[in-house]
Structures are given as structure tokens and as C-alpha cells.
Amino acid sequence: MGKQPVKLKAVVYALSPFQQKVMPGLWKDLPGKIHHKISENWISASLLLAPLIGVHLYVPPLFYINRLSRIGFLFCLGS
């Protein structure tokens, strides 16, 4: 029960430089693909974007109030 050598054939796959038409399919109907993805996943997109937009709208006024309170002009806001 000795070892017998086995001949293997190497297979190399390559695209011909004259037949490389892979990329045009990715750009074909791009607006339609984007619309389909958004309409298909609008709940997930809204759950992702709502907290980000909320934080963006909530935080800048806090920085402004904090800056005014540090320099002593908080009474201008009526607090």
C-alpha cells in the first residue's frame, strides 16, 4: 500500500483583454437599482437615518447655549 504519484492538471482562468465587458453591467439602469433598494428597504433606512438626523438637530443648540452660559450671556435667552 505505497503512495502512487497523481498527475494534476492546473487550470488557469483569465479574461481576454478583448472580452472584458464586465463593468458596463454594473452601471446599467443605476437609478432604477437605487430606487428599488430604497423602496425595498425604506423602513431600515428610516430607522438608521432618524437617530442621526435627530442628534444632528438636537446637539448644535446645546453647544450654543453652553457657550453662552460660559461667557455669561445666558440671560439673553430668557432662562
C-alpha atoms as a PDB file:
ATOM      1  CA  MET A   1       0.000   0.000   0.000  1.00  0.00           C
ATOM      2  CA  GLY A   2       2.517   2.567  -1.096  1.00  0.00           C
ATOM      3  CA  LYS A   3       1.876   6.043  -2.290  1.00  0.00           C
ATOM      4  CA  GLN A   4       1.390   6.480  -6.002  1.00  0.00           C
ATOM      5  CA  PRO A   5       2.032   9.871  -7.630  1.00  0.00           C
ATOM      6  CA  VAL A   6      -1.030  11.506  -9.140  1.00  0.00           C
ATOM      7  CA  LYS A   7      -0.712  13.936 -12.011  1.00  0.00           C
ATOM      8  CA  LEU A   8      -2.771  17.081 -11.582  1.00  0.00           C
ATOM      9  CA  LYS A   9      -3.672  19.486 -14.307  1.00  0.00           C
ATOM     10  CA  ALA A  10      -3.516  23.174 -13.492  1.00  0.00           C
ATOM     11  CA  VAL A  11      -6.431  25.202 -14.755  1.00  0.00           C
ATOM     12  CA  VAL A  12      -6.000  28.943 -15.097  1.00  0.00           C
ATOM     13  CA  TYR A  13      -9.000  31.130 -15.783  1.00  0.00           C
ATOM     14  CA  ALA A  14      -8.389  34.563 -17.259  1.00  0.00           C
ATOM     15  CA  LEU A  15     -10.314  37.143 -19.194  1.00  0.00           C
ATOM     16  CA  SER A  16      -9.109  38.050 -22.598  1.00  0.00           C
ATOM     17  CA  PRO A  17      -8.122  41.721 -22.884  1.00  0.00           C
ATOM     18  CA  PHE A  18     -10.546  41.968 -25.809  1.00  0.00           C
ATOM     19  CA  GLN A  19     -13.518  40.492 -23.924  1.00  0.00           C
ATOM     20  CA  GLN A  20     -13.536  42.450 -20.656  1.00  0.00           C
ATOM     21  CA  LYS A  21     -17.076  43.779 -20.670  1.00  0.00           C
ATOM     22  CA  VAL A  22     -17.848  43.176 -17.004  1.00  0.00           C
ATOM     23  CA  MET A  23     -18.236  46.748 -15.715  1.00  0.00           C
ATOM     24  CA  PRO A  24     -20.958  48.100 -18.042  1.00  0.00           C
ATOM     25  CA  GLY A  25     -23.498  45.762 -16.442  1.00  0.00           C
ATOM     26  CA  LEU A  26     -22.927  47.370 -13.059  1.00  0.00           C
ATOM     27  CA  TRP A  27     -23.779  50.861 -14.339  1.00  0.00           C
ATOM     28  CA  LYS A  28     -26.744  49.820 -16.466  1.00  0.00           C
ATOM     29  CA  ASP A  29     -30.010  51.189 -15.016  1.00  0.00           C
ATOM     30  CA  LEU A  30     -28.259  52.559 -11.918  1.00  0.00           C
ATOM     31  CA  PRO A  31     -31.083  54.980 -10.905  1.00  0.00           C
ATOM     32  CA  GLY A  32     -33.587  52.138 -11.175  1.00  0.00           C
ATOM     33  CA  LYS A  33     -31.446  49.901  -8.974  1.00  0.00           C
ATOM     34  CA  ILE A  34     -31.030  52.629  -6.349  1.00  0.00           C
ATOM     35  CA  HIS A  35     -34.781  53.321  -6.348  1.00  0.00           C
ATOM     36  CA  HIS A  36     -35.504  49.618  -5.962  1.00  0.00           C
ATOM     37  CA  LYS A  37     -33.121  49.279  -2.999  1.00  0.00           C
ATOM     38  CA  ILE A  38     -34.576  52.340  -1.247  1.00  0.00           C
ATOM     39  CA  SER A  39     -38.203  51.347  -1.833  1.00  0.00           C
ATOM     40  CA  GLU A  40     -37.454  47.791  -0.727  1.00  0.00           C
ATOM     41  CA  ASN A  41     -35.641  48.804   2.481  1.00  0.00           C
ATOM     42  CA  TRP A  42     -37.252  52.123   3.428  1.00  0.00           C
ATOM     43  CA  ILE A  43     -38.041  51.003   6.989  1.00  0.00           C
ATOM     44  CA  SER A  44     -34.432  50.036   7.673  1.00  0.00           C
ATOM     45  CA  ALA A  45     -33.178  53.250   6.086  1.00  0.00           C
ATOM     46  CA  SER A  46     -35.528  55.379   8.190  1.00  0.00           C
ATOM     47  CA  LEU A  47     -34.533  53.559  11.379  1.00  0.00           C
ATOM     48  CA  LEU A  48     -30.899  54.264  10.538  1.00  0.00           C
ATOM     49  CA  LEU A  49     -31.301  57.895   9.477  1.00  0.00           C
ATOM     50  CA  ALA A  50     -33.854  59.114  12.058  1.00  0.00           C
ATOM     51  CA  PRO A  51     -31.484  58.961  15.072  1.00  0.00           C
ATOM     52  CA  LEU A  52     -28.662  60.533  13.070  1.00  0.00           C
ATOM     53  CA  ILE A  53     -30.828  63.430  11.917  1.00  0.00           C
ATOM     54  CA  GLY A  54     -32.310  63.814  15.403  1.00  0.00           C
ATOM     55  CA  VAL A  55     -28.890  64.057  17.021  1.00  0.00           C
ATOM     56  CA  HIS A  56     -27.752  66.497  14.353  1.00  0.00           C
ATOM     57  CA  LEU A  57     -30.749  68.745  15.047  1.00  0.00           C
ATOM     58  CA  TYR A  58     -30.562  68.443  18.858  1.00  0.00           C
ATOM     59  CA  VAL A  59     -26.872  68.896  19.641  1.00  0.00           C
ATOM     60  CA  PRO A  60     -25.884  72.236  17.987  1.00  0.00           C
ATOM     61  CA  PRO A  61     -28.295  74.351  20.086  1.00  0.00           C
ATOM     62  CA  LEU A  62     -26.863  72.722  23.225  1.00  0.00           C
ATOM     63  CA  PHE A  63     -23.372  73.778  22.230  1.00  0.00           C
ATOM     64  CA  TYR A  64     -24.637  77.297  21.598  1.00  0.00           C
ATOM     65  CA  ILE A  65     -26.380  77.505  24.991  1.00  0.00           C
ATOM     66  CA  ASN A  66     -23.324  76.042  26.719  1.00  0.00           C
ATOM     67  CA  ARG A  67     -21.068  78.601  25.066  1.00  0.00           C
ATOM     68  CA  LEU A  68     -23.365  81.478  26.038  1.00  0.00           C
ATOM     69  CA  SER A  69     -23.569  80.285  29.629  1.00  0.00           C
ATOM     70  CA  ARG A  70     -19.779  80.092  29.883  1.00  0.00           C
ATOM     71  CA  ILE A  71     -19.307  83.680  28.774  1.00  0.00           C
ATOM     72  CA  GLY A  72     -22.206  84.991  30.886  1.00  0.00           C
ATOM     73  CA  PHE A  73     -24.826  85.836  28.243  1.00  0.00           C
ATOM     74  CA  LEU A  74     -27.380  83.166  29.108  1.00  0.00           C
ATOM     75  CA  PHE A  75     -29.841  85.812  30.342  1.00  0.00           C
ATOM     76  CA  CYS A  76     -30.358  86.838  26.681  1.00  0.00           C
ATOM     77  CA  LEU A  77     -32.221  83.577  26.026  1.00  0.00           C
ATOM     78  CA  GLY A  78     -34.818  84.230  28.716  1.00  0.00           C
ATOM     79  CA  SER A  79     -33.776  81.432  31.060  1.00  0.00           C
END
